[in-house]
N, C-alpha and C. Protein backbone atom coordinates (compact mmCIF):
# COMPACT_ATOMS: atom_id res chain seq x y z
N UNK A 1 18.07 13.97 -25.34
CA UNK A 1 17.52 14.39 -24.12
C UNK A 1 16.52 15.38 -24.57
N UNK A 2 15.70 15.59 -23.75
CA UNK A 2 14.44 16.34 -23.98
C UNK A 2 14.02 17.08 -22.83
N UNK A 3 13.63 18.38 -23.04
CA UNK A 3 13.14 18.94 -21.79
C UNK A 3 11.64 19.06 -21.71
N UNK A 4 11.18 18.50 -20.60
CA UNK A 4 9.75 18.23 -20.47
C UNK A 4 9.26 18.96 -19.14
N UNK A 5 7.93 19.50 -19.13
CA UNK A 5 7.08 20.17 -18.10
C UNK A 5 6.32 19.17 -17.59
N UNK A 6 6.31 18.69 -16.21
CA UNK A 6 5.59 17.69 -15.67
C UNK A 6 4.80 18.44 -14.44
N UNK A 7 3.83 17.93 -14.26
CA UNK A 7 2.85 18.20 -13.22
C UNK A 7 3.08 17.11 -12.14
N UNK A 8 3.94 17.46 -10.98
CA UNK A 8 4.28 16.54 -10.13
C UNK A 8 3.54 17.16 -8.57
N UNK A 9 2.82 16.48 -7.95
CA UNK A 9 2.27 16.77 -6.85
C UNK A 9 1.80 18.11 -6.92
N UNK A 10 0.98 18.60 -7.86
CA UNK A 10 0.41 19.88 -8.12
C UNK A 10 1.56 21.01 -8.45
N UNK A 11 2.57 20.56 -8.53
CA UNK A 11 3.75 21.71 -8.93
C UNK A 11 4.24 21.34 -10.40
N UNK A 12 4.59 22.53 -11.07
CA UNK A 12 5.10 22.43 -12.39
C UNK A 12 6.49 22.24 -12.11
N UNK A 13 7.16 21.16 -12.74
CA UNK A 13 8.43 20.78 -12.65
C UNK A 13 9.10 20.45 -13.99
N UNK A 14 10.19 21.02 -14.36
CA UNK A 14 10.82 20.91 -15.48
C UNK A 14 12.01 19.97 -15.37
N UNK A 15 12.22 18.87 -16.32
CA UNK A 15 13.02 17.84 -16.47
C UNK A 15 13.80 17.80 -17.67
N UNK A 16 15.01 17.44 -17.67
CA UNK A 16 15.49 17.08 -18.78
C UNK A 16 16.20 15.54 -18.79
N UNK A 17 15.53 14.83 -19.73
CA UNK A 17 15.60 13.29 -19.76
C UNK A 17 15.37 12.65 -21.16
N UNK A 18 15.80 11.50 -21.34
CA UNK A 18 15.46 10.84 -22.44
C UNK A 18 14.03 10.46 -22.48
N UNK A 19 13.28 10.74 -23.39
CA UNK A 19 11.65 10.75 -23.50
C UNK A 19 11.23 9.26 -23.04
N UNK A 20 12.04 8.13 -23.38
CA UNK A 20 11.75 6.97 -22.78
C UNK A 20 12.03 6.26 -21.39
N UNK A 21 12.70 7.31 -20.66
CA UNK A 21 13.03 7.05 -19.32
C UNK A 21 11.85 6.88 -18.44
N UNK A 22 11.97 5.74 -17.57
CA UNK A 22 10.77 5.31 -16.54
C UNK A 22 10.66 6.55 -15.74
N UNK A 23 9.23 6.81 -15.62
CA UNK A 23 8.94 7.99 -14.51
C UNK A 23 9.67 7.58 -13.39
N UNK A 24 9.68 6.51 -12.87
CA UNK A 24 10.16 6.00 -11.59
C UNK A 24 11.55 6.56 -11.43
N UNK A 25 12.49 6.29 -12.43
CA UNK A 25 13.85 6.99 -12.29
C UNK A 25 13.92 8.48 -12.30
N UNK A 26 13.00 9.22 -12.93
CA UNK A 26 12.82 10.71 -12.87
C UNK A 26 12.33 11.18 -11.55
N UNK A 27 11.50 10.36 -10.82
CA UNK A 27 10.90 10.81 -9.60
C UNK A 27 11.93 10.59 -8.63
N UNK A 28 12.74 9.47 -8.72
CA UNK A 28 13.41 9.10 -7.48
C UNK A 28 15.01 9.86 -7.66
N UNK A 29 15.58 9.73 -8.99
CA UNK A 29 16.85 10.08 -9.18
C UNK A 29 16.77 11.87 -9.45
N UNK A 30 16.17 12.19 -10.24
CA UNK A 30 16.06 13.69 -10.65
C UNK A 30 15.31 14.49 -9.59
N UNK A 31 14.03 14.07 -8.93
CA UNK A 31 13.26 15.03 -8.30
C UNK A 31 13.56 14.52 -6.68
N UNK A 32 14.25 13.59 -6.47
CA UNK A 32 14.51 13.24 -4.98
C UNK A 32 13.12 12.76 -4.19
N UNK A 33 12.21 12.20 -4.90
CA UNK A 33 10.94 11.66 -4.32
C UNK A 33 11.03 10.16 -4.15
N UNK A 34 11.69 9.89 -3.11
CA UNK A 34 12.10 8.41 -2.88
C UNK A 34 11.06 7.74 -2.12
N UNK A 35 9.76 8.21 -1.95
CA UNK A 35 8.82 7.34 -1.33
C UNK A 35 8.30 6.59 -2.53
N UNK A 36 8.48 6.73 -3.65
CA UNK A 36 7.97 5.80 -4.55
C UNK A 36 9.34 4.71 -4.73
N UNK A 37 8.79 3.53 -4.39
CA UNK A 37 9.90 2.44 -4.30
C UNK A 37 10.10 1.78 -5.59
N UNK A 38 11.37 1.40 -5.91
CA UNK A 38 11.88 0.38 -6.99
C UNK A 38 11.76 -1.01 -6.40
N UNK A 39 10.83 -1.70 -7.09
CA UNK A 39 10.65 -3.13 -6.58
C UNK A 39 11.35 -4.10 -7.71
N UNK A 40 10.43 -4.09 -8.84
CA UNK A 40 10.96 -5.26 -9.62
C UNK A 40 11.55 -4.58 -11.05
N UNK A 41 10.95 -3.35 -11.48
CA UNK A 41 11.50 -2.73 -12.57
C UNK A 41 10.72 -3.39 -13.77
N UNK A 42 9.56 -3.94 -13.63
CA UNK A 42 8.97 -4.73 -14.62
C UNK A 42 7.58 -4.63 -14.60
N UNK A 43 7.15 -3.59 -13.72
CA UNK A 43 5.65 -3.35 -13.66
C UNK A 43 4.86 -4.58 -13.12
N UNK A 44 5.47 -5.57 -12.24
CA UNK A 44 4.91 -6.67 -11.66
C UNK A 44 4.56 -6.54 -10.31
N UNK A 45 5.22 -5.61 -9.48
CA UNK A 45 4.87 -5.86 -7.92
C UNK A 45 4.25 -4.58 -7.40
N UNK A 46 4.04 -3.46 -8.13
CA UNK A 46 3.20 -2.28 -7.61
C UNK A 46 3.98 -1.43 -6.43
N UNK A 47 5.33 -1.68 -6.20
CA UNK A 47 5.92 -0.76 -5.33
C UNK A 47 6.12 0.58 -5.78
N UNK A 48 6.05 0.66 -7.09
CA UNK A 48 6.52 2.03 -7.69
C UNK A 48 5.18 2.77 -7.92
N UNK A 49 3.91 2.45 -7.39
CA UNK A 49 2.69 2.90 -7.72
C UNK A 49 2.60 4.38 -7.54
N UNK A 50 1.96 5.28 -8.44
CA UNK A 50 1.74 6.63 -8.36
C UNK A 50 0.29 6.68 -8.89
N UNK A 51 -0.08 7.96 -8.90
CA UNK A 51 -1.43 8.37 -9.53
C UNK A 51 -1.06 9.15 -10.61
N UNK A 52 -1.62 8.79 -11.82
CA UNK A 52 -1.72 9.58 -12.97
C UNK A 52 -3.14 9.95 -13.28
N UNK A 53 -3.34 11.30 -13.22
CA UNK A 53 -4.84 11.69 -13.40
C UNK A 53 -5.79 11.02 -12.54
N UNK A 54 -5.24 10.75 -11.20
CA UNK A 54 -6.07 9.84 -10.34
C UNK A 54 -6.05 8.40 -10.30
N UNK A 55 -5.48 7.89 -11.46
CA UNK A 55 -5.45 6.40 -11.55
C UNK A 55 -4.10 5.78 -11.07
N UNK A 56 -4.20 4.67 -10.21
CA UNK A 56 -2.93 3.99 -9.92
C UNK A 56 -2.21 3.57 -11.13
N UNK A 57 -0.88 3.91 -11.17
CA UNK A 57 -0.19 3.47 -12.31
C UNK A 57 1.22 3.19 -12.00
N UNK A 58 1.77 2.36 -12.53
CA UNK A 58 3.14 1.51 -12.07
C UNK A 58 4.16 2.67 -12.95
N UNK A 59 5.11 3.43 -11.90
CA UNK A 59 5.82 4.49 -12.58
C UNK A 59 7.06 3.63 -13.17
N UNK A 60 7.36 2.61 -12.98
CA UNK A 60 8.51 1.98 -13.71
C UNK A 60 7.97 1.45 -15.19
N UNK A 61 6.85 1.40 -15.34
CA UNK A 61 6.28 1.05 -16.78
C UNK A 61 5.76 2.08 -17.51
N UNK A 62 5.76 3.18 -17.21
CA UNK A 62 5.39 4.46 -17.90
C UNK A 62 6.49 5.47 -18.21
N UNK A 63 6.78 5.76 -19.35
CA UNK A 63 7.83 6.80 -19.78
C UNK A 63 7.64 8.05 -19.17
N UNK A 64 8.61 8.90 -18.80
CA UNK A 64 8.40 10.24 -18.45
C UNK A 64 7.59 11.04 -19.55
N UNK A 65 8.01 10.87 -20.60
CA UNK A 65 7.15 11.61 -21.74
C UNK A 65 5.64 11.14 -21.81
N UNK A 66 5.42 9.93 -21.34
CA UNK A 66 4.21 9.69 -21.40
C UNK A 66 3.26 10.21 -20.18
N UNK A 67 3.75 10.96 -19.44
CA UNK A 67 3.01 11.75 -18.55
C UNK A 67 3.04 13.29 -18.72
N UNK A 68 3.65 13.66 -19.84
CA UNK A 68 3.65 15.19 -20.04
C UNK A 68 2.05 15.58 -20.09
N UNK A 69 1.71 16.61 -19.43
CA UNK A 69 0.28 17.09 -19.71
C UNK A 69 -0.60 16.44 -18.68
N UNK A 70 -0.06 15.55 -17.84
CA UNK A 70 -1.02 14.94 -16.80
C UNK A 70 -0.51 15.25 -15.42
N UNK A 71 -1.68 14.91 -14.47
CA UNK A 71 -1.23 15.04 -13.26
C UNK A 71 -0.66 13.89 -12.43
N UNK A 72 0.38 13.93 -11.91
CA UNK A 72 1.32 12.88 -11.18
C UNK A 72 1.23 13.10 -9.67
N UNK A 73 0.79 12.24 -8.99
CA UNK A 73 0.87 12.23 -7.53
C UNK A 73 1.57 11.29 -7.05
N UNK A 74 2.66 11.43 -6.19
CA UNK A 74 3.41 10.31 -5.57
C UNK A 74 2.79 10.33 -3.94
N UNK A 75 3.39 9.47 -3.34
CA UNK A 75 3.10 9.16 -1.89
C UNK A 75 3.37 10.59 -1.01
N UNK A 76 4.22 11.18 -1.46
CA UNK A 76 4.63 12.51 -0.98
C UNK A 76 3.64 13.62 -1.15
N UNK A 77 2.90 13.67 -2.11
CA UNK A 77 1.87 14.69 -2.56
C UNK A 77 0.57 14.30 -2.35
N UNK A 78 0.46 12.89 -1.65
CA UNK A 78 -0.88 12.51 -1.56
C UNK A 78 -1.66 13.02 -0.29
N UNK A 79 -2.86 13.89 -0.44
CA UNK A 79 -3.57 14.53 0.57
C UNK A 79 -4.92 14.53 0.30
N UNK A 80 -5.53 13.54 -0.19
CA UNK A 80 -6.85 13.42 -0.59
C UNK A 80 -7.78 13.03 0.84
N UNK A 81 -8.77 13.13 0.74
CA UNK A 81 -9.73 12.61 1.78
C UNK A 81 -9.58 11.04 2.08
N UNK A 82 -9.54 10.56 0.86
CA UNK A 82 -9.36 9.00 0.89
C UNK A 82 -7.82 8.88 1.49
N UNK A 83 -6.75 9.49 1.40
CA UNK A 83 -5.48 9.27 1.87
C UNK A 83 -5.42 9.44 3.42
N UNK A 84 -6.32 10.41 3.88
CA UNK A 84 -6.42 10.50 5.21
C UNK A 84 -6.93 9.52 5.88
N UNK A 85 -8.08 8.72 5.45
CA UNK A 85 -8.74 7.45 5.88
C UNK A 85 -7.76 6.38 5.94
N UNK A 86 -7.30 6.22 4.69
CA UNK A 86 -6.45 5.16 4.52
C UNK A 86 -5.12 5.20 5.33
N UNK A 87 -4.46 6.12 5.50
CA UNK A 87 -3.33 6.31 6.37
C UNK A 87 -3.73 5.93 7.68
N UNK A 88 -4.95 6.55 8.39
CA UNK A 88 -5.46 6.24 9.69
C UNK A 88 -5.72 4.73 9.84
N UNK A 89 -6.45 4.18 8.90
CA UNK A 89 -6.71 2.95 8.84
C UNK A 89 -5.49 1.90 9.03
N UNK A 90 -4.54 2.35 8.01
CA UNK A 90 -3.35 1.59 7.89
C UNK A 90 -2.64 1.56 9.39
N UNK A 91 -2.65 2.45 10.25
CA UNK A 91 -2.19 2.47 11.60
C UNK A 91 -3.00 1.79 12.50
N UNK A 92 -4.27 2.02 12.47
CA UNK A 92 -5.15 1.30 13.45
C UNK A 92 -5.14 -0.26 13.25
N UNK A 93 -5.25 -0.54 11.99
CA UNK A 93 -4.99 -2.11 11.82
C UNK A 93 -3.54 -2.73 11.81
N UNK A 94 -2.71 -1.67 11.84
CA UNK A 94 -1.25 -2.14 12.17
C UNK A 94 -0.76 -2.97 10.80
N UNK A 95 -1.07 -2.42 9.61
CA UNK A 95 -0.90 -3.06 8.35
C UNK A 95 0.54 -3.50 7.98
N UNK A 96 1.60 -2.57 8.06
CA UNK A 96 3.01 -2.85 7.63
C UNK A 96 3.77 -3.87 8.38
N UNK A 97 4.39 -4.63 7.80
CA UNK A 97 5.23 -5.57 8.49
C UNK A 97 6.67 -4.93 8.08
N UNK A 98 7.37 -5.17 7.12
CA UNK A 98 8.55 -4.73 6.69
C UNK A 98 8.41 -3.21 6.07
N UNK A 99 7.29 -2.95 5.56
CA UNK A 99 6.76 -1.65 5.15
C UNK A 99 7.18 -1.38 3.69
N UNK A 100 8.18 -2.06 3.05
CA UNK A 100 8.71 -1.63 1.71
C UNK A 100 7.60 -1.16 0.73
N UNK A 101 6.65 -2.09 0.58
CA UNK A 101 5.65 -1.99 -0.32
C UNK A 101 4.59 -1.18 -0.07
N UNK A 102 4.37 -0.66 1.12
CA UNK A 102 3.47 0.20 1.71
C UNK A 102 2.89 1.43 0.98
N UNK A 103 4.01 2.09 0.51
CA UNK A 103 3.41 3.34 -0.31
C UNK A 103 2.80 2.92 -1.69
N UNK A 104 3.22 1.96 -2.25
CA UNK A 104 2.40 1.31 -3.60
C UNK A 104 1.00 0.99 -2.90
N UNK A 105 1.04 0.28 -1.89
CA UNK A 105 -0.24 -0.43 -1.34
C UNK A 105 -1.44 0.80 -1.03
N UNK A 106 -0.85 1.89 -0.35
CA UNK A 106 -1.52 3.05 -0.13
C UNK A 106 -2.29 3.89 -1.23
N UNK A 107 -1.20 3.92 -2.40
CA UNK A 107 -1.57 4.53 -3.56
C UNK A 107 -2.72 4.00 -4.28
N UNK A 108 -2.68 2.48 -4.26
CA UNK A 108 -3.65 1.78 -4.88
C UNK A 108 -4.97 1.61 -4.05
N UNK A 109 -4.81 1.63 -2.95
CA UNK A 109 -6.13 1.79 -1.90
C UNK A 109 -6.80 2.90 -2.15
N UNK A 110 -5.92 4.10 -2.22
CA UNK A 110 -6.60 5.40 -2.30
C UNK A 110 -7.31 5.65 -3.59
N UNK A 111 -6.74 5.31 -4.79
CA UNK A 111 -7.36 5.23 -5.99
C UNK A 111 -8.64 4.51 -6.12
N UNK A 112 -8.51 3.13 -5.41
CA UNK A 112 -9.74 2.43 -5.31
C UNK A 112 -10.87 3.24 -4.80
N UNK A 113 -10.60 3.73 -3.47
CA UNK A 113 -11.61 4.48 -2.71
C UNK A 113 -12.25 5.68 -3.41
N UNK A 114 -11.31 6.35 -4.14
CA UNK A 114 -11.82 7.54 -4.86
C UNK A 114 -12.81 6.95 -5.85
N UNK A 115 -12.55 5.88 -6.59
CA UNK A 115 -13.32 5.41 -7.66
C UNK A 115 -14.41 4.62 -7.13
N UNK A 116 -14.35 3.87 -5.90
CA UNK A 116 -15.53 2.95 -5.49
C UNK A 116 -15.42 3.24 -3.74
N UNK A 117 -16.21 4.06 -3.25
CA UNK A 117 -16.13 4.37 -1.91
C UNK A 117 -16.60 3.18 -1.03
N UNK A 118 -17.22 2.07 -1.43
CA UNK A 118 -17.89 1.00 -0.66
C UNK A 118 -17.51 -0.05 -1.33
N UNK A 119 -16.19 -0.49 -1.38
CA UNK A 119 -15.64 -1.46 -2.29
C UNK A 119 -16.13 -2.93 -1.53
N UNK A 120 -16.40 -3.92 -2.35
CA UNK A 120 -16.67 -5.40 -1.77
C UNK A 120 -15.17 -6.00 -1.79
N UNK A 121 -15.28 -7.22 -1.27
CA UNK A 121 -14.00 -7.88 -1.11
C UNK A 121 -13.34 -8.18 -2.60
N UNK A 122 -14.31 -8.34 -3.51
CA UNK A 122 -13.79 -8.71 -4.87
C UNK A 122 -13.40 -7.33 -5.58
N UNK A 123 -14.02 -6.38 -5.14
CA UNK A 123 -13.44 -5.04 -5.87
C UNK A 123 -12.00 -4.73 -5.25
N UNK A 124 -11.79 -5.03 -3.98
CA UNK A 124 -10.47 -4.87 -3.32
C UNK A 124 -9.44 -5.74 -3.95
N UNK A 125 -9.71 -7.04 -4.09
CA UNK A 125 -8.95 -8.08 -4.69
C UNK A 125 -8.48 -7.43 -6.27
N UNK A 126 -9.60 -7.05 -7.03
CA UNK A 126 -9.39 -6.77 -8.37
C UNK A 126 -8.50 -5.39 -8.37
N UNK A 127 -8.49 -4.31 -7.44
CA UNK A 127 -7.78 -3.05 -7.30
C UNK A 127 -6.38 -3.37 -6.77
N UNK A 128 -6.23 -4.32 -5.84
CA UNK A 128 -4.99 -4.56 -5.25
C UNK A 128 -4.26 -5.63 -5.77
N UNK A 129 -4.64 -6.44 -6.68
CA UNK A 129 -4.05 -7.40 -7.42
C UNK A 129 -2.68 -6.94 -8.05
N UNK A 130 -2.53 -5.57 -8.21
CA UNK A 130 -1.28 -5.04 -8.89
C UNK A 130 -0.18 -4.98 -7.89
N UNK A 131 -0.44 -5.19 -6.57
CA UNK A 131 0.45 -5.06 -5.62
C UNK A 131 0.87 -6.21 -4.84
N UNK A 132 2.13 -6.51 -4.77
CA UNK A 132 2.83 -7.64 -4.01
C UNK A 132 3.20 -7.29 -2.60
N UNK A 133 2.85 -7.93 -1.77
CA UNK A 133 3.40 -7.77 -0.32
C UNK A 133 4.09 -9.16 -0.01
N UNK A 134 5.40 -9.19 -0.01
CA UNK A 134 6.43 -10.32 0.35
C UNK A 134 5.93 -10.83 1.65
N UNK A 135 5.51 -9.80 2.58
CA UNK A 135 5.25 -10.52 4.01
C UNK A 135 3.90 -10.90 4.27
N UNK A 136 3.22 -10.78 3.06
CA UNK A 136 1.68 -11.37 3.03
C UNK A 136 0.64 -10.83 4.02
N UNK A 137 0.95 -9.27 4.06
CA UNK A 137 -0.09 -8.62 4.93
C UNK A 137 -1.42 -8.43 4.27
N UNK A 138 -1.84 -9.26 3.39
CA UNK A 138 -2.93 -8.98 2.56
C UNK A 138 -4.39 -9.13 3.53
N UNK A 139 -4.51 -9.81 4.29
CA UNK A 139 -5.56 -9.88 5.28
C UNK A 139 -5.74 -8.42 6.03
N UNK A 140 -4.83 -7.97 6.53
CA UNK A 140 -4.63 -6.52 7.05
C UNK A 140 -4.85 -5.52 6.18
N UNK A 141 -4.46 -5.70 5.02
CA UNK A 141 -4.68 -4.66 3.80
C UNK A 141 -6.20 -4.52 3.53
N UNK A 142 -6.83 -5.70 3.35
CA UNK A 142 -8.18 -5.68 3.08
C UNK A 142 -8.91 -5.12 4.18
N UNK A 143 -8.56 -5.36 5.52
CA UNK A 143 -9.38 -5.07 6.66
C UNK A 143 -9.08 -3.40 6.75
N UNK A 144 -8.03 -2.99 6.46
CA UNK A 144 -7.68 -1.42 6.64
C UNK A 144 -8.55 -0.97 5.47
N UNK A 145 -8.71 -1.28 4.31
CA UNK A 145 -9.39 -0.75 3.24
C UNK A 145 -10.85 -0.60 3.62
N UNK A 146 -11.42 -1.81 4.16
CA UNK A 146 -12.73 -1.60 4.71
C UNK A 146 -12.95 -0.82 5.54
N UNK A 147 -12.20 -0.50 6.58
CA UNK A 147 -12.15 0.33 7.82
C UNK A 147 -11.93 1.88 7.17
N UNK A 148 -11.12 1.99 6.20
CA UNK A 148 -11.12 3.35 5.52
C UNK A 148 -12.33 3.59 4.94
N UNK A 149 -12.97 2.83 4.08
CA UNK A 149 -14.45 3.16 3.71
C UNK A 149 -15.44 3.50 4.55
N UNK A 150 -15.27 2.78 5.67
CA UNK A 150 -16.34 3.30 6.89
C UNK A 150 -15.94 4.67 7.45
N UNK A 151 -14.40 4.89 7.53
CA UNK A 151 -14.15 6.29 7.91
C UNK A 151 -14.70 7.41 7.08
N UNK A 152 -14.78 7.08 5.81
CA UNK A 152 -15.03 8.00 4.74
C UNK A 152 -16.54 8.44 4.79
N UNK A 153 -17.34 7.32 5.10
CA UNK A 153 -18.77 7.49 5.09
C UNK A 153 -19.36 7.87 6.28
N UNK A 154 -18.42 7.99 7.46
CA UNK A 154 -18.96 8.11 8.92
C UNK A 154 -18.20 9.43 9.41
N UNK A 155 -17.22 9.88 8.66
CA UNK A 155 -16.16 10.92 9.14
C UNK A 155 -16.89 12.31 9.16
N UNK A 156 -16.23 13.13 9.43
CA UNK A 156 -16.57 14.72 9.52
C UNK A 156 -16.89 15.14 8.10
N UNK A 157 -16.43 14.70 7.12
CA UNK A 157 -16.87 15.16 5.79
C UNK A 157 -17.54 14.10 5.09
N UNK A 158 -18.33 13.09 5.77
CA UNK A 158 -18.96 12.06 4.98
C UNK A 158 -19.69 12.47 3.85
N UNK A 159 -19.67 11.68 2.87
CA UNK A 159 -20.42 11.75 1.67
C UNK A 159 -22.07 11.74 1.83
N UNK A 160 -22.38 11.03 2.92
CA UNK A 160 -23.80 10.99 3.20
C UNK A 160 -24.49 12.19 3.94
N UNK A 161 -23.49 13.12 4.39
CA UNK A 161 -23.95 14.15 5.18
C UNK A 161 -24.04 14.10 6.69
N UNK A 162 -23.61 12.88 7.21
CA UNK A 162 -23.59 12.59 8.62
C UNK A 162 -22.29 12.90 9.27
C-alpha cells in the first residue's frame, strides 16, 4: 500500500492504495465518485472515461499511481464551457436511451470540443470510437456534438466574439 496525493476535480485528495490499482476503483470505491461507470474493465467500452490533464482517458486502464501529479476530472467535476454546451445539446437532442454509457460519452465529447471546437464527422468518429453505446445512439451523439460546437461558437462566450 502506498499513500498518494491526487488532484481530483480540482481538490487535493490523499488515498492509500496499491500503486497498480486501477484509477476507476479508487474513484468509485474510495472517493465515492460513482458517475464514472464500470463497463468492461479492459479499456474497451469507454464507460469509465475521465479527463487526465484534459485528455479523455479510460480510468480502468490507468493505475492510480499513474495519475499522481496530474489533474483528473470526473463527470462530477466537469464544469468547462464545453461541458455546458454538451450537456445542453445532449438534452436538446435527447441522446440517452438507457444512459449507462453517457458519462463516458460526455467526457469524450468535451475533450474533443476542447481540442477541436469545430469537428468534422470524421473527427467525431475518431474521438468517439473509444466509447461503446449498446443502445446505438450514435447518430444522436454525433448530432449533439455538432450542436454543441454551434453553441460554443454562437453562445454568450463565443470564441469569435459574437
